[in-house]
Amino acid sequence: MIAFLTLELRIEGAHSLKDKRQVVRSLKDRLRAQFNVAVAELESSSLWQRATIGVVSVSDSRDYLDGLMNHVERASTRIANNAGAEVSDSYVEFL
């Protein structure tokens, strides 16, 4: 099974592309280190206040992946809030 979590971020405090990149990089690095998942920015937009992040993990257990993605989503919300952003939408797909 493959679990794919999509996170839509709003970064209200970003006044430049550099501010946006700092928040996105921080979120990606912390999720990788804490959960050992693959993380990437999906839609590289020139909008400073918006970002889309994808998180992927592979396992033979759907229950494990479901729990992992729930933990990742909660941690993402906490990390984003600490960085001045908010998770405006999230959804998980299983392949």
PDB file of N, CA and C in Angstrom:
ATOM      1  N   MET A   1       0.831  -1.189   0.000  1.00  0.00           N
ATOM      2  CA  MET A   1       0.000   0.000   0.000  1.00  0.00           C
ATOM      3  C   MET A   1       0.877   1.255   0.000  1.00  0.00           C
ATOM      4  N   ILE A   2       0.360   2.257  -0.647  1.00  0.00           N
ATOM      5  CA  ILE A   2       1.008   3.565  -0.673  1.00  0.00           C
ATOM      6  C   ILE A   2       0.017   4.580  -0.120  1.00  0.00           C
ATOM      7  N   ALA A   3       0.450   5.371   0.843  1.00  0.00           N
ATOM      8  CA  ALA A   3      -0.385   6.444   1.383  1.00  0.00           C
ATOM      9  C   ALA A   3       0.188   7.772   0.913  1.00  0.00           C
ATOM     10  N   PHE A   4      -0.699   8.635   0.422  1.00  0.00           N
ATOM     11  CA  PHE A   4      -0.308   9.929  -0.109  1.00  0.00           C
ATOM     12  C   PHE A   4      -1.134  11.004   0.578  1.00  0.00           C
ATOM     13  N   LEU A   5      -0.485  11.828   1.400  1.00  0.00           N
ATOM     14  CA  LEU A   5      -1.142  12.917   2.120  1.00  0.00           C
ATOM     15  C   LEU A   5      -0.822  14.230   1.426  1.00  0.00           C
ATOM     16  N   THR A   6      -1.860  14.990   1.121  1.00  0.00           N
ATOM     17  CA  THR A   6      -1.689  16.306   0.518  1.00  0.00           C
ATOM     18  C   THR A   6      -2.082  17.364   1.538  1.00  0.00           C
ATOM     19  N   LEU A   7      -1.207  18.333   1.734  1.00  0.00           N
ATOM     20  CA  LEU A   7      -1.443  19.427   2.675  1.00  0.00           C
ATOM     21  C   LEU A   7      -1.462  20.748   1.917  1.00  0.00           C
ATOM     22  N   GLU A   8      -2.525  21.501   2.094  1.00  0.00           N
ATOM     23  CA  GLU A   8      -2.613  22.843   1.521  1.00  0.00           C
ATOM     24  C   GLU A   8      -2.285  23.825   2.633  1.00  0.00           C
ATOM     25  N   LEU A   9      -1.280  24.660   2.434  1.00  0.00           N
ATOM     26  CA  LEU A   9      -0.848  25.618   3.452  1.00  0.00           C
ATOM     27  C   LEU A   9      -1.208  27.043   3.056  1.00  0.00           C
ATOM     28  N   ARG A  10      -1.595  27.819   4.059  1.00  0.00           N
ATOM     29  CA  ARG A  10      -1.733  29.271   3.906  1.00  0.00           C
ATOM     30  C   ARG A  10      -0.682  29.889   4.795  1.00  0.00           C
ATOM     31  N   ILE A  11       0.137  30.743   4.211  1.00  0.00           N
ATOM     32  CA  ILE A  11       1.239  31.371   4.943  1.00  0.00           C
ATOM     33  C   ILE A  11       0.983  32.878   4.935  1.00  0.00           C
ATOM     34  N   GLU A  12       0.146  33.309   5.866  1.00  0.00           N
ATOM     35  CA  GLU A  12      -0.267  34.714   5.895  1.00  0.00           C
ATOM     36  C   GLU A  12       0.895  35.665   6.169  1.00  0.00           C
ATOM     37  N   GLY A  13       1.882  35.234   6.927  1.00  0.00           N
ATOM     38  CA  GLY A  13       3.000  36.098   7.283  1.00  0.00           C
ATOM     39  C   GLY A  13       4.071  36.216   6.219  1.00  0.00           C
ATOM     40  N   ALA A  14       3.924  35.500   5.110  1.00  0.00           N
ATOM     41  CA  ALA A  14       4.951  35.534   4.059  1.00  0.00           C
ATOM     42  C   ALA A  14       4.815  36.813   3.228  1.00  0.00           C
ATOM     43  N   HIS A  15       5.875  37.596   3.186  1.00  0.00           N
ATOM     44  CA  HIS A  15       5.883  38.820   2.400  1.00  0.00           C
ATOM     45  C   HIS A  15       6.817  38.715   1.204  1.00  0.00           C
ATOM     46  N   SER A  16       7.437  37.543   1.052  1.00  0.00           N
ATOM     47  CA  SER A  16       8.315  37.316  -0.091  1.00  0.00           C
ATOM     48  C   SER A  16       8.401  35.809  -0.336  1.00  0.00           C
ATOM     49  N   LEU A  17       8.952  35.449  -1.462  1.00  0.00           N
ATOM     50  CA  LEU A  17       9.156  34.040  -1.787  1.00  0.00           C
ATOM     51  C   LEU A  17      10.133  33.406  -0.795  1.00  0.00           C
ATOM     52  N   LYS A  18      11.070  34.192  -0.304  1.00  0.00           N
ATOM     53  CA  LYS A  18      12.033  33.698   0.684  1.00  0.00           C
ATOM     54  C   LYS A  18      11.322  33.301   1.989  1.00  0.00           C
ATOM     55  N   ASP A  19      10.351  34.091   2.432  1.00  0.00           N
ATOM     56  CA  ASP A  19       9.573  33.752   3.625  1.00  0.00           C
ATOM     57  C   ASP A  19       8.811  32.450   3.429  1.00  0.00           C
ATOM     58  N   LYS A  20       8.214  32.300   2.261  1.00  0.00           N
ATOM     59  CA  LYS A  20       7.465  31.076   1.951  1.00  0.00           C
ATOM     60  C   LYS A  20       8.393  29.873   1.971  1.00  0.00           C
ATOM     61  N   ARG A  21       9.528  29.976   1.314  1.00  0.00           N
ATOM     62  CA  ARG A  21      10.474  28.856   1.245  1.00  0.00           C
ATOM     63  C   ARG A  21      10.979  28.455   2.621  1.00  0.00           C
ATOM     64  N   GLN A  22      11.173  29.420   3.500  1.00  0.00           N
ATOM     65  CA  GLN A  22      11.645  29.129   4.847  1.00  0.00           C
ATOM     66  C   GLN A  22      10.622  28.279   5.602  1.00  0.00           C
ATOM     67  N   VAL A  23       9.348  28.619   5.506  1.00  0.00           N
ATOM     68  CA  VAL A  23       8.294  27.856   6.178  1.00  0.00           C
ATOM     69  C   VAL A  23       8.183  26.463   5.581  1.00  0.00           C
ATOM     70  N   VAL A  24       8.167  26.370   4.257  1.00  0.00           N
ATOM     71  CA  VAL A  24       8.032  25.080   3.580  1.00  0.00           C
ATOM     72  C   VAL A  24       9.228  24.180   3.882  1.00  0.00           C
ATOM     73  N   ARG A  25      10.430  24.716   3.817  1.00  0.00           N
ATOM     74  CA  ARG A  25      11.630  23.923   4.091  1.00  0.00           C
ATOM     75  C   ARG A  25      11.631  23.404   5.524  1.00  0.00           C
ATOM     76  N   SER A  26      11.245  24.248   6.456  1.00  0.00           N
ATOM     77  CA  SER A  26      11.191  23.851   7.856  1.00  0.00           C
ATOM     78  C   SER A  26      10.200  22.700   8.053  1.00  0.00           C
ATOM     79  N   LEU A  27       9.028  22.810   7.464  1.00  0.00           N
ATOM     80  CA  LEU A  27       8.020  21.760   7.576  1.00  0.00           C
ATOM     81  C   LEU A  27       8.509  20.462   6.952  1.00  0.00           C
ATOM     82  N   LYS A  28       9.060  20.539   5.761  1.00  0.00           N
ATOM     83  CA  LYS A  28       9.549  19.333   5.076  1.00  0.00           C
ATOM     84  C   LYS A  28      10.650  18.654   5.878  1.00  0.00           C
ATOM     85  N   ASP A  29      11.627  19.405   6.348  1.00  0.00           N
ATOM     86  CA  ASP A  29      12.746  18.825   7.089  1.00  0.00           C
ATOM     87  C   ASP A  29      12.289  18.173   8.384  1.00  0.00           C
ATOM     88  N   ARG A  30      11.392  18.809   9.104  1.00  0.00           N
ATOM     89  CA  ARG A  30      10.935  18.249  10.375  1.00  0.00           C
ATOM     90  C   ARG A  30      10.089  17.001  10.172  1.00  0.00           C
ATOM     91  N   LEU A  31       9.255  16.965   9.143  1.00  0.00           N
ATOM     92  CA  LEU A  31       8.452  15.755   8.885  1.00  0.00           C
ATOM     93  C   LEU A  31       9.342  14.592   8.469  1.00  0.00           C
ATOM     94  N   ARG A  32      10.328  14.856   7.624  1.00  0.00           N
ATOM     95  CA  ARG A  32      11.262  13.796   7.215  1.00  0.00           C
ATOM     96  C   ARG A  32      11.982  13.210   8.420  1.00  0.00           C
ATOM     97  N   ALA A  33      12.485  14.081   9.281  1.00  0.00           N
ATOM     98  CA  ALA A  33      13.264  13.630  10.435  1.00  0.00           C
ATOM     99  C   ALA A  33      12.405  12.893  11.451  1.00  0.00           C
ATOM    100  N   GLN A  34      11.207  13.372  11.683  1.00  0.00           N
ATOM    101  CA  GLN A  34      10.366  12.810  12.732  1.00  0.00           C
ATOM    102  C   GLN A  34       9.666  11.519  12.317  1.00  0.00           C
ATOM    103  N   PHE A  35       9.268  11.408  11.031  1.00  0.00           N
ATOM    104  CA  PHE A  35       8.432  10.274  10.609  1.00  0.00           C
ATOM    105  C   PHE A  35       9.060   9.385   9.540  1.00  0.00           C
ATOM    106  N   ASN A  36      10.216   9.742   9.018  1.00  0.00           N
ATOM    107  CA  ASN A  36      10.867   8.961   7.968  1.00  0.00           C
ATOM    108  C   ASN A  36       9.937   8.746   6.770  1.00  0.00           C
ATOM    109  N   VAL A  37       9.396   9.848   6.260  1.00  0.00           N
ATOM    110  CA  VAL A  37       8.504   9.829   5.099  1.00  0.00           C
ATOM    111  C   VAL A  37       9.126  10.682   3.998  1.00  0.00           C
ATOM    112  N   ALA A  38       8.654  10.494   2.779  1.00  0.00           N
ATOM    113  CA  ALA A  38       9.094  11.329   1.666  1.00  0.00           C
ATOM    114  C   ALA A  38       8.186  12.555   1.612  1.00  0.00           C
ATOM    115  N   VAL A  39       8.792  13.743   1.508  1.00  0.00           N
ATOM    116  CA  VAL A  39       8.040  14.999   1.519  1.00  0.00           C
ATOM    117  C   VAL A  39       8.545  15.881   0.382  1.00  0.00           C
ATOM    118  N   ALA A  40       7.594  16.513  -0.335  1.00  0.00           N
ATOM    119  CA  ALA A  40       7.979  17.411  -1.423  1.00  0.00           C
ATOM    120  C   ALA A  40       6.928  18.494  -1.602  1.00  0.00           C
ATOM    121  N   GLU A  41       7.371  19.646  -2.101  1.00  0.00           N
ATOM    122  CA  GLU A  41       6.421  20.690  -2.486  1.00  0.00           C
ATOM    123  C   GLU A  41       5.883  20.302  -3.855  1.00  0.00           C
ATOM    124  N   LEU A  42       4.552  20.225  -3.984  1.00  0.00           N
ATOM    125  CA  LEU A  42       3.951  19.707  -5.205  1.00  0.00           C
ATOM    126  C   LEU A  42       3.736  20.769  -6.267  1.00  0.00           C
ATOM    127  N   GLU A  43       3.140  21.853  -5.906  1.00  0.00           N
ATOM    128  CA  GLU A  43       2.827  22.890  -6.883  1.00  0.00           C
ATOM    129  C   GLU A  43       3.674  24.100  -6.574  1.00  0.00           C
ATOM    130  N   SER A  44       4.762  24.230  -7.262  1.00  0.00           N
ATOM    131  CA  SER A  44       5.651  25.357  -7.020  1.00  0.00           C
ATOM    132  C   SER A  44       5.005  26.613  -7.590  1.00  0.00           C
ATOM    133  N   SER A  45       4.281  27.302  -6.746  1.00  0.00           N
ATOM    134  CA  SER A  45       3.541  28.485  -7.167  1.00  0.00           C
ATOM    135  C   SER A  45       4.321  29.744  -6.824  1.00  0.00           C
ATOM    136  N   SER A  46       4.099  30.767  -7.601  1.00  0.00           N
ATOM    137  CA  SER A  46       4.744  32.043  -7.305  1.00  0.00           C
ATOM    138  C   SER A  46       3.941  32.838  -6.278  1.00  0.00           C
ATOM    139  N   LEU A  47       2.810  32.277  -5.828  1.00  0.00           N
ATOM    140  CA  LEU A  47       2.033  32.930  -4.780  1.00  0.00           C
ATOM    141  C   LEU A  47       2.752  32.744  -3.448  1.00  0.00           C
ATOM    142  N   TRP A  48       3.008  33.815  -2.761  1.00  0.00           N
ATOM    143  CA  TRP A  48       3.785  33.768  -1.525  1.00  0.00           C
ATOM    144  C   TRP A  48       3.006  33.167  -0.372  1.00  0.00           C
ATOM    145  N   GLN A  49       1.700  33.308  -0.380  1.00  0.00           N
ATOM    146  CA  GLN A  49       0.910  32.876   0.768  1.00  0.00           C
ATOM    147  C   GLN A  49       0.334  31.470   0.642  1.00  0.00           C
ATOM    148  N   ARG A  50       0.642  30.740  -0.395  1.00  0.00           N
ATOM    149  CA  ARG A  50       0.083  29.399  -0.590  1.00  0.00           C
ATOM    150  C   ARG A  50       1.172  28.398  -0.952  1.00  0.00           C
ATOM    151  N   ALA A  51       0.999  27.166  -0.435  1.00  0.00           N
ATOM    152  CA  ALA A  51       1.924  26.079  -0.781  1.00  0.00           C
ATOM    153  C   ALA A  51       1.161  24.765  -0.689  1.00  0.00           C
ATOM    154  N   THR A  52       1.555  23.805  -1.513  1.00  0.00           N
ATOM    155  CA  THR A  52       0.992  22.459  -1.477  1.00  0.00           C
ATOM    156  C   THR A  52       2.135  21.489  -1.212  1.00  0.00           C
ATOM    157  N   ILE A  53       1.970  20.686  -0.160  1.00  0.00           N
ATOM    158  CA  ILE A  53       2.991  19.737   0.253  1.00  0.00           C
ATOM    159  C   ILE A  53       2.437  18.324   0.109  1.00  0.00           C
ATOM    160  N   GLY A  54       3.258  17.417  -0.415  1.00  0.00           N
ATOM    161  CA  GLY A  54       2.886  16.007  -0.519  1.00  0.00           C
ATOM    162  C   GLY A  54       3.760  15.166   0.396  1.00  0.00           C
ATOM    163  N   VAL A  55       3.125  14.221   1.100  1.00  0.00           N
ATOM    164  CA  VAL A  55       3.832  13.314   2.006  1.00  0.00           C
ATOM    165  C   VAL A  55       3.464  11.893   1.592  1.00  0.00           C
ATOM    166  N   VAL A  56       4.481  11.038   1.395  1.00  0.00           N
ATOM    167  CA  VAL A  56       4.241   9.676   0.912  1.00  0.00           C
ATOM    168  C   VAL A  56       4.964   8.673   1.801  1.00  0.00           C
ATOM    169  N   SER A  57       4.296   7.537   2.021  1.00  0.00           N
ATOM    170  CA  SER A  57       4.918   6.427   2.729  1.00  0.00           C
ATOM    171  C   SER A  57       4.389   5.117   2.145  1.00  0.00           C
ATOM    172  N   VAL A  58       5.183   4.057   2.279  1.00  0.00           N
ATOM    173  CA  VAL A  58       4.839   2.740   1.744  1.00  0.00           C
ATOM    174  C   VAL A  58       4.904   1.722   2.867  1.00  0.00           C
ATOM    175  N   SER A  59       3.915   0.820   2.916  1.00  0.00           N
ATOM    176  CA  SER A  59       3.894  -0.249   3.915  1.00  0.00           C
ATOM    177  C   SER A  59       2.969  -1.352   3.418  1.00  0.00           C
ATOM    178  N   ASP A  60       3.070  -2.524   4.034  1.00  0.00           N
ATOM    179  CA  ASP A  60       2.155  -3.604   3.670  1.00  0.00           C
ATOM    180  C   ASP A  60       0.874  -3.554   4.499  1.00  0.00           C
ATOM    181  N   SER A  61       0.784  -2.615   5.452  1.00  0.00           N
ATOM    182  CA  SER A  61      -0.375  -2.499   6.326  1.00  0.00           C
ATOM    183  C   SER A  61      -1.085  -1.167   6.127  1.00  0.00           C
ATOM    184  N   ARG A  62      -2.331  -1.230   5.709  1.00  0.00           N
ATOM    185  CA  ARG A  62      -3.113  -0.002   5.541  1.00  0.00           C
ATOM    186  C   ARG A  62      -3.371   0.661   6.897  1.00  0.00           C
ATOM    187  N   ASP A  63      -3.598  -0.140   7.936  1.00  0.00           N
ATOM    188  CA  ASP A  63      -3.836   0.413   9.270  1.00  0.00           C
ATOM    189  C   ASP A  63      -2.632   1.212   9.753  1.00  0.00           C
ATOM    190  N   TYR A  64      -1.433   0.684   9.527  1.00  0.00           N
ATOM    191  CA  TYR A  64      -0.223   1.400   9.909  1.00  0.00           C
ATOM    192  C   TYR A  64      -0.137   2.733   9.166  1.00  0.00           C
ATOM    193  N   LEU A  65      -0.372   2.696   7.854  1.00  0.00           N
ATOM    194  CA  LEU A  65      -0.285   3.916   7.052  1.00  0.00           C
ATOM    195  C   LEU A  65      -1.335   4.939   7.474  1.00  0.00           C
ATOM    196  N   ASP A  66      -2.534   4.469   7.784  1.00  0.00           N
ATOM    197  CA  ASP A  66      -3.600   5.372   8.211  1.00  0.00           C
ATOM    198  C   ASP A  66      -3.200   6.075   9.506  1.00  0.00           C
ATOM    199  N   GLY A  67      -2.678   5.312  10.464  1.00  0.00           N
ATOM    200  CA  GLY A  67      -2.220   5.908  11.719  1.00  0.00           C
ATOM    201  C   GLY A  67      -1.064   6.860  11.516  1.00  0.00           C
ATOM    202  N   LEU A  68      -0.106   6.464  10.668  1.00  0.00           N
ATOM    203  CA  LEU A  68       1.052   7.310  10.386  1.00  0.00           C
ATOM    204  C   LEU A  68       0.619   8.636   9.775  1.00  0.00           C
ATOM    205  N   MET A  69      -0.267   8.588   8.789  1.00  0.00           N
ATOM    206  CA  MET A  69      -0.701   9.822   8.131  1.00  0.00           C
ATOM    207  C   MET A  69      -1.504  10.711   9.078  1.00  0.00           C
ATOM    208  N   ASN A  70      -2.242  10.122  10.003  1.00  0.00           N
ATOM    209  CA  ASN A  70      -2.938  10.924  11.013  1.00  0.00           C
ATOM    210  C   ASN A  70      -1.931  11.648  11.903  1.00  0.00           C
ATOM    211  N   HIS A  71      -0.867  10.946  12.312  1.00  0.00           N
ATOM    212  CA  HIS A  71       0.181  11.565  13.129  1.00  0.00           C
ATOM    213  C   HIS A  71       0.902  12.662  12.352  1.00  0.00           C
ATOM    214  N   VAL A  72       1.195  12.392  11.084  1.00  0.00           N
ATOM    215  CA  VAL A  72       1.876  13.383  10.241  1.00  0.00           C
ATOM    216  C   VAL A  72       0.999  14.623  10.084  1.00  0.00           C
ATOM    217  N   GLU A  73      -0.287  14.421   9.876  1.00  0.00           N
ATOM    218  CA  GLU A  73      -1.197  15.556   9.700  1.00  0.00           C
ATOM    219  C   GLU A  73      -1.259  16.423  10.968  1.00  0.00           C
ATOM    220  N   ARG A  74      -1.354  15.792  12.131  1.00  0.00           N
ATOM    221  CA  ARG A  74      -1.388  16.544  13.393  1.00  0.00           C
ATOM    222  C   ARG A  74      -0.076  17.294  13.610  1.00  0.00           C
ATOM    223  N   ALA A  75       1.057  16.621  13.349  1.00  0.00           N
ATOM    224  CA  ALA A  75       2.358  17.268  13.507  1.00  0.00           C
ATOM    225  C   ALA A  75       2.514  18.419  12.512  1.00  0.00           C
ATOM    226  N   SER A  76       2.019  18.241  11.298  1.00  0.00           N
ATOM    227  CA  SER A  76       2.103  19.295  10.283  1.00  0.00           C
ATOM    228  C   SER A  76       1.350  20.535  10.725  1.00  0.00           C
ATOM    229  N   THR A  77       0.193  20.331  11.309  1.00  0.00           N
ATOM    230  CA  THR A  77      -0.601  21.459  11.802  1.00  0.00           C
ATOM    231  C   THR A  77       0.152  22.200  12.895  1.00  0.00           C
ATOM    232  N   ARG A  78       0.738  21.454  13.815  1.00  0.00           N
ATOM    233  CA  ARG A  78       1.493  22.060  14.914  1.00  0.00           C
ATOM    234  C   ARG A  78       2.733  22.799  14.390  1.00  0.00           C
ATOM    235  N   ILE A  79       3.490  22.155  13.515  1.00  0.00           N
ATOM    236  CA  ILE A  79       4.711  22.760  12.966  1.00  0.00           C
ATOM    237  C   ILE A  79       4.370  24.013  12.163  1.00  0.00           C
ATOM    238  N   ALA A  80       3.335  23.918  11.329  1.00  0.00           N
ATOM    239  CA  ALA A  80       2.928  25.064  10.508  1.00  0.00           C
ATOM    240  C   ALA A  80       2.497  26.232  11.391  1.00  0.00           C
ATOM    241  N   ASN A  81       1.718  25.950  12.424  1.00  0.00           N
ATOM    242  CA  ASN A  81       1.277  27.027  13.319  1.00  0.00           C
ATOM    243  C   ASN A  81       2.456  27.706  14.000  1.00  0.00           C
ATOM    244  N   ASN A  82       3.457  26.934  14.398  1.00  0.00           N
ATOM    245  CA  ASN A  82       4.649  27.505  15.031  1.00  0.00           C
ATOM    246  C   ASN A  82       5.468  28.338  14.056  1.00  0.00           C
ATOM    247  N   ALA A  83       5.340  28.052  12.752  1.00  0.00           N
ATOM    248  CA  ALA A  83       6.103  28.777  11.733  1.00  0.00           C
ATOM    249  C   ALA A  83       5.313  29.942  11.135  1.00  0.00           C
ATOM    250  N   GLY A  84       4.098  30.190  11.638  1.00  0.00           N
ATOM    251  CA  GLY A  84       3.301  31.300  11.127  1.00  0.00           C
ATOM    252  C   GLY A  84       2.433  30.942   9.945  1.00  0.00           C
ATOM    253  N   ALA A  85       2.134  29.662   9.776  1.00  0.00           N
ATOM    254  CA  ALA A  85       1.289  29.217   8.668  1.00  0.00           C
ATOM    255  C   ALA A  85       0.133  28.399   9.235  1.00  0.00           C
ATOM    256  N   GLU A  86      -0.768  27.982   8.361  1.00  0.00           N
ATOM    257  CA  GLU A  86      -1.853  27.120   8.796  1.00  0.00           C
ATOM    258  C   GLU A  86      -2.176  26.119   7.692  1.00  0.00           C
ATOM    259  N   VAL A  87      -2.554  24.908   8.089  1.00  0.00           N
ATOM    260  CA  VAL A  87      -2.977  23.888   7.144  1.00  0.00           C
ATOM    261  C   VAL A  87      -4.448  24.163   6.839  1.00  0.00           C
ATOM    262  N   SER A  88      -4.725  24.639   5.642  1.00  0.00           N
ATOM    263  CA  SER A  88      -6.099  24.997   5.288  1.00  0.00           C
ATOM    264  C   SER A  88      -6.900  23.797   4.797  1.00  0.00           C
ATOM    265  N   ASP A  89      -6.224  22.767   4.273  1.00  0.00           N
ATOM    266  CA  ASP A  89      -6.915  21.572   3.791  1.00  0.00           C
ATOM    267  C   ASP A  89      -5.918  20.419   3.755  1.00  0.00           C
ATOM    268  N   SER A  90      -6.428  19.226   3.957  1.00  0.00           N
ATOM    269  CA  SER A  90      -5.584  18.030   3.858  1.00  0.00           C
ATOM    270  C   SER A  90      -6.451  16.852   3.482  1.00  0.00           C
ATOM    271  N   TYR A  91      -5.868  15.925   2.743  1.00  0.00           N
ATOM    272  CA  TYR A  91      -6.578  14.693   2.402  1.00  0.00           C
ATOM    273  C   TYR A  91      -5.570  13.583   2.118  1.00  0.00           C
ATOM    274  N   VAL A  92      -6.016  12.356   2.398  1.00  0.00           N
ATOM    275  CA  VAL A  92      -5.152  11.173   2.237  1.00  0.00           C
ATOM    276  C   VAL A  92      -5.739  10.287   1.152  1.00  0.00           C
ATOM    277  N   GLU A  93      -4.866   9.765   0.303  1.00  0.00           N
ATOM    278  CA  GLU A  93      -5.245   8.791  -0.711  1.00  0.00           C
ATOM    279  C   GLU A  93      -4.427   7.540  -0.494  1.00  0.00           C
ATOM    280  N   PHE A  94      -5.054   6.386  -0.705  1.00  0.00           N
ATOM    281  CA  PHE A  94      -4.354   5.099  -0.616  1.00  0.00           C
ATOM    282  C   PHE A  94      -4.341   4.469  -1.996  1.00  0.00           C
ATOM    283  N   LEU A  95      -3.183   4.031  -2.423  1.00  0.00           N
ATOM    284  CA  LEU A  95      -3.034   3.409  -3.750  1.00  0.00           C
ATOM    285  C   LEU A  95      -2.582   1.975  -3.570  1.00  0.00           C
TER     286      LEU A  95
END
